Amino acid sequence: MKQAPKLTSAERGELQILHDKGYSARAIARVFGRSPNTIAEELKRNSSRDGTYGATRANHKAYVRRKYAKYQGKKIEEHVQLRTYVIAGLQAGWNPDEISGCMKREARPFYASKTAIYDWLYSAYGQPYCQYLASRQYRPKPRKPKKTERTMIPNRIDIATRPPEVEARDRPGDWEADTVVSGKRTGSTAALAVAQERLTKLIGARLIPDLRPVSFASAATVLLADKQALTLTLDNGIENKRHADITDATGVQVYFCTPYSSWQKGGVENANRMLRGYFTKGCDLGQFDQAFVDAVCDRLNKKPRKILGYKSALQLAEEKGVIHRVS
């Protein structure tokens, strides 16, 4: 039986970020190079009752499910009536899905899922009965190599080639950017484009009407205008597809996080959490105007930060020349 490989922990972490941003299962599948059904099934099976998806919880639920499935496989061998029923079904030309479905319909006092039946068949115990499968397969079918994936972000430059002084925060002018989105239940497409300078922690944000690449590129250009800006680090979200527009307008070199590793731009992720203190998760960002967004950023930039030796981001940005000194 051909099955798509399970999502890794890293993929689930990235899935949580993209899902929170409002991406559809189909859009996330394109980024991952996966089937949309795989992503949709993951969200359906491992989300909470309220529809939220958390990577940690999803990994635990998947682990429990795999552990239980293995137990079911052993149960077939150890349960005489169940084993007899499965073998009889196979000999009658039924496939595991039909055997499992009939057990459920007939409300038998025993049960095994089709996956458990396949697990049993591909084990040492069930090998003699694989001959009754239509495929005559004695082990799981190897998955074919992936087809060449479409390039979602053209001319993408990986973070691995980013200058080492960026990682070390040895100079001003290196930025990270991300988005904060409206709650799904609001039906709003409004979002915030957020940028933070790595050394000084200076924060900027612009309201955008949607996550279209042109909207984000335009906002990022405005955020970096009139500031010292050498590099910009982004994740692999589809909204970053027009990164060349940012480079053309500002001259900054854009780098992208390793796939499924949005933590590599942890500074702006932290800035997003700070902004959420004023724009609560689930709200409609379209209800705010740019003046309010600017006021929030100004408030955050003027507060003393322990990480900055209790200077403010604004004060340090002026000292380092990221922005012109404000009189």
C-alpha atoms as a PDB file:
ATOM      1  CA  MET A   1       0.000   0.000   0.000  1.00  0.00           C
ATOM      2  CA  LYS A   2       1.455   3.341  -1.034  1.00  0.00           C
ATOM      3  CA  GLN A   3       1.323   5.952   1.702  1.00  0.00           C
ATOM      4  CA  ALA A   4       2.724   9.467   1.794  1.00  0.00           C
ATOM      5  CA  PRO A   5       5.579   9.820   4.282  1.00  0.00           C
ATOM      6  CA  LYS A   6       4.571  11.313   7.593  1.00  0.00           C
ATOM      7  CA  LEU A   7       5.333  14.955   8.346  1.00  0.00           C
ATOM      8  CA  THR A   8       8.494  15.532  10.350  1.00  0.00           C
ATOM      9  CA  SER A   9       8.641  17.589  13.534  1.00  0.00           C
ATOM     10  CA  ALA A  10      10.325  20.402  11.608  1.00  0.00           C
ATOM     11  CA  GLU A  11       7.590  20.361   8.962  1.00  0.00           C
ATOM     12  CA  ARG A  12       4.904  20.493  11.639  1.00  0.00           C
ATOM     13  CA  GLY A  13       6.612  23.536  13.169  1.00  0.00           C
ATOM     14  CA  GLU A  14       6.593  25.322   9.819  1.00  0.00           C
ATOM     15  CA  LEU A  15       3.025  24.160   9.154  1.00  0.00           C
ATOM     16  CA  GLN A  16       1.907  25.814  12.389  1.00  0.00           C
ATOM     17  CA  ILE A  17       3.492  29.124  11.338  1.00  0.00           C
ATOM     18  CA  LEU A  18       1.996  29.082   7.834  1.00  0.00           C
ATOM     19  CA  HIS A  19      -1.408  27.923   9.131  1.00  0.00           C
ATOM     20  CA  ASP A  20      -1.425  30.760  11.664  1.00  0.00           C
ATOM     21  CA  LYS A  21      -0.655  33.154   8.829  1.00  0.00           C
ATOM     22  CA  GLY A  22      -3.812  32.037   7.081  1.00  0.00           C
ATOM     23  CA  TYR A  23      -2.375  29.952   4.252  1.00  0.00           C
ATOM     24  CA  SER A  24      -4.690  27.338   2.759  1.00  0.00           C
ATOM     25  CA  ALA A  25      -3.798  23.647   2.798  1.00  0.00           C
ATOM     26  CA  ARG A  26      -3.153  23.817  -0.947  1.00  0.00           C
ATOM     27  CA  ALA A  27      -0.775  26.777  -0.607  1.00  0.00           C
ATOM     28  CA  ILE A  28       1.112  25.078   2.239  1.00  0.00           C
ATOM     29  CA  ALA A  29       1.345  21.888   0.174  1.00  0.00           C
ATOM     30  CA  ARG A  30       3.011  23.820  -2.656  1.00  0.00           C
ATOM     31  CA  VAL A  31       5.613  25.205  -0.248  1.00  0.00           C
ATOM     32  CA  PHE A  32       6.302  21.729   1.202  1.00  0.00           C
ATOM     33  CA  GLY A  33       6.179  19.880  -2.120  1.00  0.00           C
ATOM     34  CA  ARG A  34       3.457  17.671  -0.646  1.00  0.00           C
ATOM     35  CA  SER A  35       0.003  16.592  -1.690  1.00  0.00           C
ATOM     36  CA  PRO A  36      -2.734  19.003  -0.551  1.00  0.00           C
ATOM     37  CA  ASN A  37      -4.562  15.951   0.851  1.00  0.00           C
ATOM     38  CA  THR A  38      -1.588  15.216   3.120  1.00  0.00           C
ATOM     39  CA  ILE A  39      -1.675  18.725   4.592  1.00  0.00           C
ATOM     40  CA  ALA A  40      -5.471  18.781   4.893  1.00  0.00           C
ATOM     41  CA  GLU A  41      -5.456  15.382   6.632  1.00  0.00           C
ATOM     42  CA  GLU A  42      -2.718  16.523   9.025  1.00  0.00           C
ATOM     43  CA  LEU A  43      -4.731  19.612   9.992  1.00  0.00           C
ATOM     44  CA  LYS A  44      -7.911  17.555  10.367  1.00  0.00           C
ATOM     45  CA  ARG A  45      -6.412  14.773  12.484  1.00  0.00           C
ATOM     46  CA  ASN A  46      -4.007  16.725  14.684  1.00  0.00           C
ATOM     47  CA  SER A  47      -5.747  20.054  15.325  1.00  0.00           C
ATOM     48  CA  SER A  48      -7.459  20.915  18.590  1.00  0.00           C
ATOM     49  CA  ARG A  49     -11.246  20.917  18.870  1.00  0.00           C
ATOM     50  CA  ASP A  50     -11.318  24.684  18.370  1.00  0.00           C
ATOM     51  CA  GLY A  51      -9.487  24.316  15.054  1.00  0.00           C
ATOM     52  CA  THR A  52      -6.113  25.602  16.210  1.00  0.00           C
ATOM     53  CA  TYR A  53      -3.016  23.695  15.146  1.00  0.00           C
ATOM     54  CA  GLY A  54       0.034  23.377  17.401  1.00  0.00           C
ATOM     55  CA  ALA A  55       3.171  21.525  16.336  1.00  0.00           C
ATOM     56  CA  THR A  56       3.932  20.106  19.795  1.00  0.00           C
ATOM     57  CA  ARG A  57       0.420  18.772  20.254  1.00  0.00           C
ATOM     58  CA  ALA A  58       0.342  17.410  16.695  1.00  0.00           C
ATOM     59  CA  ASN A  59       3.605  15.523  17.183  1.00  0.00           C
ATOM     60  CA  HIS A  60       2.251  13.963  20.376  1.00  0.00           C
ATOM     61  CA  LYS A  61      -1.050  12.946  18.782  1.00  0.00           C
ATOM     62  CA  ALA A  62       0.776  11.416  15.822  1.00  0.00           C
ATOM     63  CA  TYR A  63       3.092   9.512  18.170  1.00  0.00           C
ATOM     64  CA  VAL A  64       0.180   8.093  20.138  1.00  0.00           C
ATOM     65  CA  ARG A  65      -1.616   7.122  16.939  1.00  0.00           C
ATOM     66  CA  ARG A  66       1.464   5.317  15.569  1.00  0.00           C
ATOM     67  CA  LYS A  67       1.969   3.522  18.867  1.00  0.00           C
ATOM     68  CA  TYR A  68      -1.662   2.413  18.916  1.00  0.00           C
ATOM     69  CA  ALA A  69      -1.485   1.285  15.285  1.00  0.00           C
ATOM     70  CA  LYS A  70       1.492  -0.929  16.120  1.00  0.00           C
ATOM     71  CA  TYR A  71      -0.499  -2.403  19.000  1.00  0.00           C
ATOM     72  CA  GLN A  72      -3.361  -3.159  16.631  1.00  0.00           C
ATOM     73  CA  GLY A  73      -0.985  -5.003  14.346  1.00  0.00           C
ATOM     74  CA  LYS A  74       0.156  -7.222  17.198  1.00  0.00           C
ATOM     75  CA  LYS A  75      -3.428  -7.674  18.293  1.00  0.00           C
ATOM     76  CA  ILE A  76      -4.279  -9.493  15.045  1.00  0.00           C
ATOM     77  CA  GLU A  77      -1.696 -12.155  15.732  1.00  0.00           C
ATOM     78  CA  GLU A  78      -2.685 -12.546  19.370  1.00  0.00           C
ATOM     79  CA  HIS A  79      -6.489 -12.535  18.891  1.00  0.00           C
ATOM     80  CA  VAL A  80      -7.589 -15.894  17.417  1.00  0.00           C
ATOM     81  CA  GLN A  81     -11.058 -14.804  16.200  1.00  0.00           C
ATOM     82  CA  LEU A  82      -9.729 -11.561  14.699  1.00  0.00           C
ATOM     83  CA  ARG A  83      -6.872 -13.352  12.968  1.00  0.00           C
ATOM     84  CA  THR A  84      -9.227 -16.004  11.579  1.00  0.00           C
ATOM     85  CA  TYR A  85     -11.618 -13.346  10.251  1.00  0.00           C
ATOM     86  CA  VAL A  86      -8.809 -11.404   8.540  1.00  0.00           C
ATOM     87  CA  ILE A  87      -7.335 -14.524   6.924  1.00  0.00           C
ATOM     88  CA  ALA A  88     -10.751 -15.673   5.724  1.00  0.00           C
ATOM     89  CA  GLY A  89     -11.365 -12.281   4.169  1.00  0.00           C
ATOM     90  CA  LEU A  90      -8.009 -12.297   2.407  1.00  0.00           C
ATOM     91  CA  GLN A  91      -8.614 -15.785   1.060  1.00  0.00           C
ATOM     92  CA  ALA A  92     -12.003 -14.631  -0.256  1.00  0.00           C
ATOM     93  CA  GLY A  93     -10.250 -11.899  -2.250  1.00  0.00           C
ATOM     94  CA  TRP A  94     -11.088  -8.973   0.025  1.00  0.00           C
ATOM     95  CA  ASN A  95      -8.573  -6.195   0.511  1.00  0.00           C
ATOM     96  CA  PRO A  96      -7.710  -4.898   4.023  1.00  0.00           C
ATOM     97  CA  ASP A  97      -9.995  -1.883   3.668  1.00  0.00           C
ATOM     98  CA  GLU A  98     -12.964  -4.133   2.857  1.00  0.00           C
ATOM     99  CA  ILE A  99     -12.135  -6.497   5.712  1.00  0.00           C
ATOM    100  CA  SER A 100     -11.894  -3.616   8.191  1.00  0.00           C
ATOM    101  CA  GLY A 101     -15.066  -1.993   6.880  1.00  0.00           C
ATOM    102  CA  CYS A 102     -17.063  -5.208   7.177  1.00  0.00           C
ATOM    103  CA  MET A 103     -15.915  -5.759  10.749  1.00  0.00           C
ATOM    104  CA  LYS A 104     -17.187  -2.311  11.639  1.00  0.00           C
ATOM    105  CA  ARG A 105     -20.488  -2.683   9.749  1.00  0.00           C
ATOM    106  CA  GLU A 106     -21.192  -6.073  11.286  1.00  0.00           C
ATOM    107  CA  ALA A 107     -20.329  -4.724  14.759  1.00  0.00           C
ATOM    108  CA  ARG A 108     -17.998  -7.621  15.452  1.00  0.00           C
ATOM    109  CA  PRO A 109     -16.631  -7.902  18.996  1.00  0.00           C
ATOM    110  CA  PHE A 110     -13.172  -7.366  17.545  1.00  0.00           C
ATOM    111  CA  TYR A 111     -11.760  -4.795  15.134  1.00  0.00           C
ATOM    112  CA  ALA A 112      -8.590  -3.831  13.251  1.00  0.00           C
ATOM    113  CA  SER A 113      -8.092  -0.881  10.933  1.00  0.00           C
ATOM    114  CA  LYS A 114      -6.896  -1.376   7.373  1.00  0.00           C
ATOM    115  CA  THR A 115      -3.529   0.106   8.383  1.00  0.00           C
ATOM    116  CA  ALA A 116      -3.199  -2.422  11.200  1.00  0.00           C
ATOM    117  CA  ILE A 117      -4.010  -5.239   8.787  1.00  0.00           C
ATOM    118  CA  TYR A 118      -1.351  -4.043   6.354  1.00  0.00           C
ATOM    119  CA  ASP A 119       1.141  -3.715   9.236  1.00  0.00           C
ATOM    120  CA  TRP A 120       0.377  -7.311  10.227  1.00  0.00           C
ATOM    121  CA  LEU A 121       0.650  -8.545   6.643  1.00  0.00           C
ATOM    122  CA  TYR A 122       4.054  -6.905   6.175  1.00  0.00           C
ATOM    123  CA  SER A 123       5.320  -8.373   9.455  1.00  0.00           C
ATOM    124  CA  ALA A 124       6.868 -11.841   9.780  1.00  0.00           C
ATOM    125  CA  TYR A 125       3.508 -13.182  11.030  1.00  0.00           C
ATOM    126  CA  GLY A 126       1.433 -12.078   8.059  1.00  0.00           C
ATOM    127  CA  GLN A 127       3.883 -12.656   5.209  1.00  0.00           C
ATOM    128  CA  PRO A 128       2.348 -16.038   4.193  1.00  0.00           C
ATOM    129  CA  TYR A 129      -0.979 -14.306   3.518  1.00  0.00           C
ATOM    130  CA  CYS A 130       0.366 -11.493   1.301  1.00  0.00           C
ATOM    131  CA  GLN A 131      -0.146 -13.859  -1.623  1.00  0.00           C
ATOM    132  CA  TYR A 132      -3.884 -13.154  -1.346  1.00  0.00           C
ATOM    133  CA  LEU A 133      -3.436  -9.420  -1.950  1.00  0.00           C
ATOM    134  CA  ALA A 134      -4.300  -8.285  -5.462  1.00  0.00           C
ATOM    135  CA  SER A 135      -0.884  -6.627  -5.685  1.00  0.00           C
ATOM    136  CA  ARG A 136       0.935  -9.741  -4.413  1.00  0.00           C
ATOM    137  CA  GLN A 137       3.079  -7.311  -2.428  1.00  0.00           C
ATOM    138  CA  TYR A 138       5.105  -8.638   0.499  1.00  0.00           C
ATOM    139  CA  ARG A 139       6.360  -5.267   1.776  1.00  0.00           C
ATOM    140  CA  PRO A 140       5.293  -1.616   1.560  1.00  0.00           C
ATOM    141  CA  LYS A 141       5.764  -0.208  -1.908  1.00  0.00           C
ATOM    142  CA  PRO A 142       8.808   2.092  -2.068  1.00  0.00           C
ATOM    143  CA  ARG A 143       7.832   5.684  -2.606  1.00  0.00           C
ATOM    144  CA  LYS A 144       8.950   7.067  -5.943  1.00  0.00           C
ATOM    145  CA  PRO A 145      11.389  10.001  -5.871  1.00  0.00           C
ATOM    146  CA  LYS A 146       9.661  13.348  -5.807  1.00  0.00           C
ATOM    147  CA  LYS A 147       9.189  15.087  -9.077  1.00  0.00           C
ATOM    148  CA  THR A 148      11.071  18.308  -9.563  1.00  0.00           C
ATOM    149  CA  GLU A 149       9.290  20.849  -7.432  1.00  0.00           C
ATOM    150  CA  ARG A 150       8.169  24.139  -8.808  1.00  0.00           C
ATOM    151  CA  THR A 151      10.172  27.090  -7.569  1.00  0.00           C
ATOM    152  CA  MET A 152       7.776  29.062  -5.417  1.00  0.00           C
ATOM    153  CA  ILE A 153      10.336  31.808  -4.746  1.00  0.00           C
ATOM    154  CA  PRO A 154      12.428  32.564  -7.843  1.00  0.00           C
ATOM    155  CA  ASN A 155      16.120  33.402  -7.386  1.00  0.00           C
ATOM    156  CA  ARG A 156      15.942  32.501  -3.717  1.00  0.00           C
ATOM    157  CA  ILE A 157      19.263  32.903  -1.828  1.00  0.00           C
ATOM    158  CA  ASP A 158      19.614  30.620   1.190  1.00  0.00           C
ATOM    159  CA  ILE A 159      20.572  31.925   4.614  1.00  0.00           C
ATOM    160  CA  ALA A 160      23.627  29.641   4.559  1.00  0.00           C
ATOM    161  CA  THR A 161      25.326  32.147   2.235  1.00  0.00           C
ATOM    162  CA  ARG A 162      24.505  35.153   4.424  1.00  0.00           C
ATOM    163  CA  PRO A 163      27.638  37.013   5.670  1.00  0.00           C
ATOM    164  CA  PRO A 164      28.782  35.755   9.116  1.00  0.00           C
ATOM    165  CA  GLU A 165      28.671  39.269  10.599  1.00  0.00           C
ATOM    166  CA  VAL A 166      24.894  39.194  10.156  1.00  0.00           C
ATOM    167  CA  GLU A 167      24.559  36.135  12.391  1.00  0.00           C
ATOM    168  CA  ALA A 168      26.981  37.681  14.909  1.00  0.00           C
ATOM    169  CA  ARG A 169      25.060  40.985  14.981  1.00  0.00           C
ATOM    170  CA  ASP A 170      28.366  42.817  14.583  1.00  0.00           C
ATOM    171  CA  ARG A 171      26.969  45.636  12.486  1.00  0.00           C
ATOM    172  CA  PRO A 172      23.810  47.690  12.065  1.00  0.00           C
ATOM    173  CA  GLY A 173      21.638  47.424   8.983  1.00  0.00           C
ATOM    174  CA  ASP A 174      20.644  43.769   8.958  1.00  0.00           C
ATOM    175  CA  TRP A 175      16.876  43.289   9.065  1.00  0.00           C
ATOM    176  CA  GLU A 176      14.335  40.489   9.427  1.00  0.00           C
ATOM    177  CA  ALA A 177      10.720  40.679   8.270  1.00  0.00           C
ATOM    178  CA  ASP A 178       7.524  38.706   8.722  1.00  0.00           C
ATOM    179  CA  THR A 179       3.740  39.137   8.780  1.00  0.00           C
ATOM    180  CA  VAL A 180       1.003  39.184  11.405  1.00  0.00           C
ATOM    181  CA  VAL A 181      -2.427  38.189  10.090  1.00  0.00           C
ATOM    182  CA  SER A 182      -6.063  38.734  11.012  1.00  0.00           C
ATOM    183  CA  GLY A 183      -8.044  35.975  12.690  1.00  0.00           C
ATOM    184  CA  LYS A 184      -9.575  33.447  10.306  1.00  0.00           C
ATOM    185  CA  ARG A 185     -13.050  33.831  11.761  1.00  0.00           C
ATOM    186  CA  THR A 186     -13.089  37.538  10.909  1.00  0.00           C
ATOM    187  CA  GLY A 187     -12.856  36.785   7.194  1.00  0.00           C
ATOM    188  CA  SER A 188     -10.436  39.698   6.907  1.00  0.00           C
ATOM    189  CA  THR A 189      -7.365  39.574   4.657  1.00  0.00           C
ATOM    190  CA  ALA A 190      -5.725  42.577   6.349  1.00  0.00           C
ATOM    191  CA  ALA A 191      -2.281  41.932   7.810  1.00  0.00           C
ATOM    192  CA  LEU A 192       0.798  43.643   9.196  1.00  0.00           C
ATOM    193  CA  ALA A 193       4.163  43.579   7.470  1.00  0.00           C
ATOM    194  CA  VAL A 194       6.693  43.690  10.309  1.00  0.00           C
ATOM    195  CA  ALA A 195      10.427  44.388  10.180  1.00  0.00           C
ATOM    196  CA  GLN A 196      13.054  44.422  12.931  1.00  0.00           C
ATOM    197  CA  GLU A 197      16.717  45.448  12.785  1.00  0.00           C
ATOM    198  CA  ARG A 198      18.826  42.655  14.290  1.00  0.00           C
ATOM    199  CA  LEU A 199      21.355  44.723  16.269  1.00  0.00           C
ATOM    200  CA  THR A 200      19.206  47.531  17.697  1.00  0.00           C
ATOM    201  CA  LYS A 201      15.829  45.692  17.815  1.00  0.00           C
ATOM    202  CA  LEU A 202      14.153  48.648  16.099  1.00  0.00           C
ATOM    203  CA  ILE A 203      10.621  47.641  15.023  1.00  0.00           C
ATOM    204  CA  GLY A 204       8.559  48.889  12.107  1.00  0.00           C
ATOM    205  CA  ALA A 205       5.150  47.733  10.847  1.00  0.00           C
ATOM    206  CA  ARG A 206       2.852  48.584   7.942  1.00  0.00           C
ATOM    207  CA  LEU A 207      -0.778  47.649   7.404  1.00  0.00           C
ATOM    208  CA  ILE A 208      -1.319  45.728   4.182  1.00  0.00           C
ATOM    209  CA  PRO A 209      -4.683  44.778   2.651  1.00  0.00           C
ATOM    210  CA  ASP A 210      -3.694  41.162   1.975  1.00  0.00           C
ATOM    211  CA  LEU A 211      -0.774  38.730   1.755  1.00  0.00           C
ATOM    212  CA  ARG A 212      -0.243  39.126  -1.960  1.00  0.00           C
ATOM    213  CA  PRO A 213       3.470  39.329  -2.822  1.00  0.00           C
ATOM    214  CA  VAL A 214       3.095  42.793  -4.307  1.00  0.00           C
ATOM    215  CA  SER A 215       1.480  44.081  -1.092  1.00  0.00           C
ATOM    216  CA  PHE A 216       4.240  42.747   1.122  1.00  0.00           C
ATOM    217  CA  ALA A 217       7.050  43.915  -1.171  1.00  0.00           C
ATOM    218  CA  SER A 218       5.611  47.423  -1.241  1.00  0.00           C
ATOM    219  CA  ALA A 219       5.286  47.554   2.562  1.00  0.00           C
ATOM    220  CA  ALA A 220       8.790  46.178   3.146  1.00  0.00           C
ATOM    221  CA  THR A 221      10.207  48.807   0.812  1.00  0.00           C
ATOM    222  CA  VAL A 222       8.541  51.563   2.828  1.00  0.00           C
ATOM    223  CA  LEU A 223       9.762  50.064   6.129  1.00  0.00           C
ATOM    224  CA  LEU A 224      13.395  50.052   4.955  1.00  0.00           C
ATOM    225  CA  ALA A 225      13.324  53.428   3.239  1.00  0.00           C
ATOM    226  CA  ASP A 226      15.554  56.138   4.786  1.00  0.00           C
ATOM    227  CA  LYS A 227      17.165  53.577   7.114  1.00  0.00           C
ATOM    228  CA  GLN A 228      20.506  51.838   7.048  1.00  0.00           C
ATOM    229  CA  ALA A 229      19.678  48.532   5.425  1.00  0.00           C
ATOM    230  CA  LEU A 230      22.187  46.019   4.086  1.00  0.00           C
ATOM    231  CA  THR A 231      20.370  42.678   4.274  1.00  0.00           C
ATOM    232  CA  LEU A 232      16.867  41.370   4.841  1.00  0.00           C
ATOM    233  CA  THR A 233      16.031  37.848   6.015  1.00  0.00           C
ATOM    234  CA  LEU A 234      12.637  36.326   5.229  1.00  0.00           C
ATOM    235  CA  ASP A 235      10.936  32.944   5.598  1.00  0.00           C
ATOM    236  CA  ASN A 236       9.641  30.933   2.654  1.00  0.00           C
ATOM    237  CA  GLY A 237       6.101  32.266   2.722  1.00  0.00           C
ATOM    238  CA  ILE A 238       4.445  32.913  -0.616  1.00  0.00           C
ATOM    239  CA  GLU A 239       4.075  36.605   0.234  1.00  0.00           C
ATOM    240  CA  ASN A 240       7.853  36.917  -0.193  1.00  0.00           C
ATOM    241  CA  LYS A 241       7.806  35.926  -3.855  1.00  0.00           C
ATOM    242  CA  ARG A 242       8.441  39.512  -5.049  1.00  0.00           C
ATOM    243  CA  HIS A 243      11.633  39.936  -3.012  1.00  0.00           C
ATOM    244  CA  ALA A 244      13.457  41.228  -6.091  1.00  0.00           C
ATOM    245  CA  ASP A 245      11.207  44.296  -5.986  1.00  0.00           C
ATOM    246  CA  ILE A 246      12.523  45.082  -2.499  1.00  0.00           C
ATOM    247  CA  THR A 247      16.124  44.737  -3.647  1.00  0.00           C
ATOM    248  CA  ASP A 248      15.516  46.925  -6.708  1.00  0.00           C
ATOM    249  CA  ALA A 249      13.944  49.653  -4.576  1.00  0.00           C
ATOM    250  CA  THR A 250      16.300  49.615  -1.577  1.00  0.00           C
ATOM    251  CA  GLY A 251      19.480  47.837  -2.650  1.00  0.00           C
ATOM    252  CA  VAL A 252      19.280  45.317   0.219  1.00  0.00           C
ATOM    253  CA  GLN A 253      20.299  41.708  -0.336  1.00  0.00           C
ATOM    254  CA  VAL A 254      17.474  39.338   0.592  1.00  0.00           C
ATOM    255  CA  TYR A 255      18.167  35.944   2.189  1.00  0.00           C
ATOM    256  CA  PHE A 256      15.732  33.143   3.021  1.00  0.00           C
ATOM    257  CA  CYS A 257      15.568  30.862   6.042  1.00  0.00           C
ATOM    258  CA  THR A 258      16.169  27.170   5.546  1.00  0.00           C
ATOM    259  CA  PRO A 259      12.808  25.513   4.759  1.00  0.00           C
ATOM    260  CA  TYR A 260      10.863  24.645   7.928  1.00  0.00           C
ATOM    261  CA  SER A 261      13.253  26.821  10.013  1.00  0.00           C
ATOM    262  CA  SER A 262      11.485  30.126  10.593  1.00  0.00           C
ATOM    263  CA  TRP A 263      13.213  30.254  13.994  1.00  0.00           C
ATOM    264  CA  GLN A 264      16.287  31.467  12.085  1.00  0.00           C
ATOM    265  CA  LYS A 265      14.665  34.908  12.113  1.00  0.00           C
ATOM    266  CA  GLY A 266      13.731  34.740  15.763  1.00  0.00           C
ATOM    267  CA  GLY A 267      14.131  38.473  16.317  1.00  0.00           C
ATOM    268  CA  VAL A 268      11.146  39.479  14.223  1.00  0.00           C
ATOM    269  CA  GLU A 269       9.160  36.524  15.591  1.00  0.00           C
ATOM    270  CA  ASN A 270       9.688  38.061  19.031  1.00  0.00           C
ATOM    271  CA  ALA A 271       8.650  41.454  17.669  1.00  0.00           C
ATOM    272  CA  ASN A 272       5.424  39.843  16.457  1.00  0.00           C
ATOM    273  CA  ARG A 273       4.733  38.598  19.990  1.00  0.00           C
ATOM    274  CA  MET A 274       5.245  42.110  21.341  1.00  0.00           C
ATOM    275  CA  LEU A 275       2.861  43.537  18.756  1.00  0.00           C
ATOM    276  CA  ARG A 276       0.280  40.924  19.700  1.00  0.00           C
ATOM    277  CA  GLY A 277       0.034  42.687  23.037  1.00  0.00           C
ATOM    278  CA  TYR A 278      -1.800  45.422  21.112  1.00  0.00           C
ATOM    279  CA  PHE A 279      -3.227  43.447  18.194  1.00  0.00           C
ATOM    280  CA  THR A 280      -4.647  40.369  19.875  1.00  0.00           C
ATOM    281  CA  LYS A 281      -4.631  37.055  18.054  1.00  0.00           C
ATOM    282  CA  GLY A 282      -7.900  36.498  16.248  1.00  0.00           C
ATOM    283  CA  CYS A 283      -8.671  40.187  15.757  1.00  0.00           C
ATOM    284  CA  ASP A 284      -9.432  41.915  12.459  1.00  0.00           C
ATOM    285  CA  LEU A 285      -6.389  44.052  11.675  1.00  0.00           C
ATOM    286  CA  GLY A 286      -8.489  45.974   9.181  1.00  0.00           C
ATOM    287  CA  GLN A 287     -10.160  47.803  12.072  1.00  0.00           C
ATOM    288  CA  PHE A 288      -6.932  49.698  12.802  1.00  0.00           C
ATOM    289  CA  ASP A 289      -5.297  52.507  10.846  1.00  0.00           C
ATOM    290  CA  GLN A 290      -1.632  53.158  10.122  1.00  0.00           C
ATOM    291  CA  ALA A 291      -1.480  55.970  12.671  1.00  0.00           C
ATOM    292  CA  PHE A 292      -2.337  53.524  15.453  1.00  0.00           C
ATOM    293  CA  VAL A 293       0.209  51.005  14.151  1.00  0.00           C
ATOM    294  CA  ASP A 294       2.889  53.723  14.126  1.00  0.00           C
ATOM    295  CA  ALA A 295       1.962  54.715  17.684  1.00  0.00           C
ATOM    296  CA  VAL A 296       2.337  51.117  18.887  1.00  0.00           C
ATOM    297  CA  CYS A 297       5.736  50.757  17.205  1.00  0.00           C
ATOM    298  CA  ASP A 298       6.851  54.081  18.691  1.00  0.00           C
ATOM    299  CA  ARG A 299       5.810  52.897  22.154  1.00  0.00           C
ATOM    300  CA  LEU A 300       7.742  49.635  21.766  1.00  0.00           C
ATOM    301  CA  ASN A 301      10.800  51.364  20.326  1.00  0.00           C
ATOM    302  CA  LYS A 302      10.998  53.832  23.215  1.00  0.00           C
ATOM    303  CA  LYS A 303      10.832  51.381  26.104  1.00  0.00           C
ATOM    304  CA  PRO A 304      14.089  50.261  27.775  1.00  0.00           C
ATOM    305  CA  ARG A 305      15.103  46.727  26.871  1.00  0.00           C
ATOM    306  CA  LYS A 306      17.218  44.460  29.078  1.00  0.00           C
ATOM    307  CA  ILE A 307      18.839  42.906  26.004  1.00  0.00           C
ATOM    308  CA  LEU A 308      20.001  46.400  24.993  1.00  0.00           C
ATOM    309  CA  GLY A 309      21.475  47.240  28.402  1.00  0.00           C
ATOM    310  CA  TYR A 310      18.226  49.022  29.258  1.00  0.00           C
ATOM    311  CA  LYS A 311      18.569  51.438  26.387  1.00  0.00           C
ATOM    312  CA  SER A 312      15.615  51.772  24.036  1.00  0.00           C
ATOM    313  CA  ALA A 313      15.674  50.455  20.483  1.00  0.00           C
ATOM    314  CA  LEU A 314      15.152  53.999  19.207  1.00  0.00           C
ATOM    315  CA  GLN A 315      18.088  55.334  21.238  1.00  0.00           C
ATOM    316  CA  LEU A 316      20.433  52.593  20.060  1.00  0.00           C
ATOM    317  CA  ALA A 317      19.258  52.904  16.452  1.00  0.00           C
ATOM    318  CA  GLU A 318      20.158  56.590  16.535  1.00  0.00           C
ATOM    319  CA  GLU A 319      23.568  55.835  18.071  1.00  0.00           C
ATOM    320  CA  LYS A 320      24.365  53.161  15.476  1.00  0.00           C
ATOM    321  CA  GLY A 321      23.142  55.221  12.548  1.00  0.00           C
ATOM    322  CA  VAL A 322      20.289  52.943  11.599  1.00  0.00           C
ATOM    323  CA  ILE A 323      18.083  56.027  11.553  1.00  0.00           C
ATOM    324  CA  HIS A 324      18.881  59.741  11.607  1.00  0.00           C
ATOM    325  CA  ARG A 325      18.973  61.248  15.057  1.00  0.00           C
ATOM    326  CA  VAL A 326      15.598  62.599  16.103  1.00  0.00           C
ATOM    327  CA  SER A 327      15.794  66.084  17.587  1.00  0.00           C
END
